[in-house]
C-alpha atoms as a PDB file:
ATOM      1  CA  MET A   1      95.423  92.304 104.015  1.00  0.00           C
ATOM      2  CA  THR A   2      98.614  94.539 104.946  1.00  0.00           C
ATOM      3  CA  LEU A   3     101.543  94.873 102.687  1.00  0.00           C
ATOM      4  CA  TYR A   4     103.347  92.564 105.575  1.00  0.00           C
ATOM      5  CA  GLU A   5     100.597  90.112 105.528  1.00  0.00           C
ATOM      6  CA  ARG A   6     100.909  89.779 101.567  1.00  0.00           C
ATOM      7  CA  LEU A   7     104.883  89.633 101.547  1.00  0.00           C
ATOM      8  CA  SER A   8     104.931  87.014 104.521  1.00  0.00           C
ATOM      9  CA  GLY A   9     102.014  84.795 102.156  1.00  0.00           C
ATOM     10  CA  LEU A  10     104.390  84.686  99.623  1.00  0.00           C
ATOM     11  CA  LYS A  11     105.434  81.269  98.755  1.00  0.00           C
ATOM     12  CA  ASN A  12     108.852  80.207  97.269  1.00  0.00           C
ATOM     13  CA  ASN A  13     109.020  81.438  93.444  1.00  0.00           C
ATOM     14  CA  ASP A  14     106.152  83.544  94.051  1.00  0.00           C
ATOM     15  CA  GLY A  15     105.638  87.331  93.241  1.00  0.00           C
ATOM     16  CA  LEU A  16     103.194  90.139  92.686  1.00  0.00           C
ATOM     17  CA  THR A  17     103.397  93.273  90.677  1.00  0.00           C
ATOM     18  CA  MET A  18     101.949  96.478  92.224  1.00  0.00           C
ATOM     19  CA  LYS A  19     100.920  99.975  91.056  1.00  0.00           C
ATOM     20  CA  ALA A  20     100.458 102.774  93.777  1.00  0.00           C
ATOM     21  CA  PHE A  21     100.549  99.834  96.508  1.00  0.00           C
ATOM     22  CA  CYS A  22      97.840  97.910  94.914  1.00  0.00           C
ATOM     23  CA  GLU A  23      98.390  94.445  93.387  1.00  0.00           C
ATOM     24  CA  ILE A  24      97.817  94.704  89.715  1.00  0.00           C
ATOM     25  CA  THR A  25      97.756  92.323  86.383  1.00  0.00           C
ATOM     26  CA  TYR A  26      97.442  92.794  82.781  1.00  0.00           C
ATOM     27  CA  LYS A  27      96.307  90.939  80.006  1.00  0.00           C
ATOM     28  CA  THR A  28      98.795  92.097  77.744  1.00  0.00           C
ATOM     29  CA  GLY A  29     101.966  93.733  77.280  1.00  0.00           C
ATOM     30  CA  TYR A  30     105.408  92.933  79.261  1.00  0.00           C
ATOM     31  CA  GLN A  31     106.871  93.759  82.442  1.00  0.00           C
ATOM     32  CA  VAL A  32     110.297  95.140  82.594  1.00  0.00           C
ATOM     33  CA  ALA A  33     112.447  95.832  85.401  1.00  0.00           C
ATOM     34  CA  THR A  34     114.977  99.031  85.224  1.00  0.00           C
ATOM     35  CA  GLU A  35     116.682  98.639  88.844  1.00  0.00           C
ATOM     36  CA  GLY A  36     116.034  96.581  92.041  1.00  0.00           C
ATOM     37  CA  MET A  37     117.111  96.039  95.494  1.00  0.00           C
ATOM     38  CA  GLU A  38     117.066  92.588  97.511  1.00  0.00           C
ATOM     39  CA  THR A  39     116.853  91.397 101.156  1.00  0.00           C
ATOM     40  CA  LYS A  40     116.130  88.654 103.359  1.00  0.00           C
ATOM     41  CA  ASN A  41     114.416  90.995 105.772  1.00  0.00           C
ATOM     42  CA  ILE A  42     110.627  91.655 105.289  1.00  0.00           C
ATOM     43  CA  ASN A  43     110.795  94.893 107.105  1.00  0.00           C
ATOM     44  CA  GLU A  44     113.193  96.079 104.298  1.00  0.00           C
ATOM     45  CA  ALA A  45     111.652  94.775 101.524  1.00  0.00           C
ATOM     46  CA  ILE A  46     108.568  97.245 102.606  1.00  0.00           C
ATOM     47  CA  MET A  47     111.120  99.700 103.064  1.00  0.00           C
ATOM     48  CA  TYR A  48     112.315  99.537  99.340  1.00  0.00           C
ATOM     49  CA  ILE A  49     108.345  99.210  98.267  1.00  0.00           C
ATOM     50  CA  ASN A  50     108.000 102.602  99.811  1.00  0.00           C
ATOM     51  CA  ASN A  51     110.963 104.003  98.276  1.00  0.00           C
ATOM     52  CA  TYR A  52     109.224 102.967  94.604  1.00  0.00           C
ATOM     53  CA  ASN A  53     106.034 104.450  95.882  1.00  0.00           C
ATOM     54  CA  GLY A  54     104.496 101.146  95.710  1.00  0.00           C
ATOM     55  CA  ASN A  55     105.267 101.079  91.787  1.00  0.00           C
ATOM     56  CA  CYS A  56     107.240  97.629  91.307  1.00  0.00           C
ATOM     57  CA  GLY A  57     107.233  94.070  91.364  1.00  0.00           C
ATOM     58  CA  VAL A  58     108.199  91.691  93.931  1.00  0.00           C
ATOM     59  CA  TRP A  59     109.715  88.085  93.718  1.00  0.00           C
ATOM     60  CA  TYR A  60     110.218  85.764  96.573  1.00  0.00           C
ATOM     61  CA  SER A  61     112.914  83.009  95.930  1.00  0.00           C
ATOM     62  CA  ASP A  62     114.864  80.960  98.294  1.00  0.00           C
ATOM     63  CA  GLY A  63     114.332  83.341 101.137  1.00  0.00           C
ATOM     64  CA  ILE A  64     115.136  86.370  99.422  1.00  0.00           C
ATOM     65  CA  TYR A  65     112.824  89.508  98.465  1.00  0.00           C
ATOM     66  CA  TYR A  66     113.664  90.914  95.160  1.00  0.00           C
ATOM     67  CA  ILE A  67     111.944  94.339  94.549  1.00  0.00           C
ATOM     68  CA  ASP A  68     112.301  95.822  91.185  1.00  0.00           C
ATOM     69  CA  LYS A  69     111.179  99.239  89.861  1.00  0.00           C
ATOM     70  CA  SER A  70     109.309  97.886  86.896  1.00  0.00           C
ATOM     71  CA  HIS A  71     107.303  99.099  83.882  1.00  0.00           C
ATOM     72  CA  ARG A  72     104.818  97.885  81.866  1.00  0.00           C
ATOM     73  CA  ILE A  73     105.642  98.356  77.910  1.00  0.00           C
ATOM     74  CA  THR A  74     103.468  97.033  75.156  1.00  0.00           C
ATOM     75  CA  THR A  75     105.704  95.820  72.488  1.00  0.00           C
ATOM     76  CA  LYS A  76     107.679  92.825  72.473  1.00  0.00           C
ATOM     77  CA  ARG A  77     110.578  94.816  70.690  1.00  0.00           C
ATOM     78  CA  GLU A  78     110.556  97.690  73.294  1.00  0.00           C
ATOM     79  CA  ALA A  79     110.385  95.254  76.000  1.00  0.00           C
ATOM     80  CA  LEU A  80     113.523  93.434  75.435  1.00  0.00           C
ATOM     81  CA  LYS A  81     115.360  96.615  74.488  1.00  0.00           C
ATOM     82  CA  VAL A  82     114.763  98.032  77.842  1.00  0.00           C
ATOM     83  CA  GLY A  83     115.562  94.790  79.468  1.00  0.00           C
ATOM     84  CA  LYS A  84     118.963  94.523  77.581  1.00  0.00           C
ATOM     85  CA  GLU A  85     119.812  97.833  78.590  1.00  0.00           C
ATOM     86  CA  HIS A  86     119.156  97.132  81.936  1.00  0.00           C
ATOM     87  CA  ASN A  87     121.038  94.070  82.304  1.00  0.00           C
ATOM     88  CA  GLN A  88     117.854  91.963  83.085  1.00  0.00           C
ATOM     89  CA  ILE A  89     117.845  88.095  82.742  1.00  0.00           C
ATOM     90  CA  SER A  90     114.110  87.930  81.428  1.00  0.00           C
ATOM     91  CA  ILE A  91     110.907  89.799  81.286  1.00  0.00           C
ATOM     92  CA  LEU A  92     107.389  88.876  82.170  1.00  0.00           C
ATOM     93  CA  LYS A  93     104.983  88.139  79.397  1.00  0.00           C
ATOM     94  CA  TRP A  94     101.322  88.928  80.812  1.00  0.00           C
ATOM     95  CA  SER A  95      99.229  87.240  78.194  1.00  0.00           C
ATOM     96  CA  ASN A  96     100.402  84.045  79.549  1.00  0.00           C
ATOM     97  CA  MET A  97     102.650  84.609  82.587  1.00  0.00           C
ATOM     98  CA  SER A  98     105.730  83.335  80.757  1.00  0.00           C
ATOM     99  CA  LEU A  99     109.349  84.720  81.397  1.00  0.00           C
ATOM    100  CA  LEU A 100     111.116  85.949  78.039  1.00  0.00           C
ATOM    101  CA  TYR A 101     114.881  85.613  78.262  1.00  0.00           C
ATOM    102  CA  VAL A 102     116.731  88.792  76.943  1.00  0.00           C
END
């Protein structure tokens, strides 16, 4: 499946995490964004993903693609610290796919 096909298949409030352009999930740890872009244009979204070398998170909500440079961090304490330093609203907890608010 191409990146275009994968992105166009996202439903509202759906997302994915990528490492080297491959979709990835983890059983533990936290995913924290440190910077990001947003666009309504799927081709721009692909460009942003390319700019991050395919190492990013993508969230689709209400017609907007949010592309974040994100990092997996093993401890909750460090993840919350990094999230706060980068003005994030929330971070993803991999074990149950819940959001922790910073």
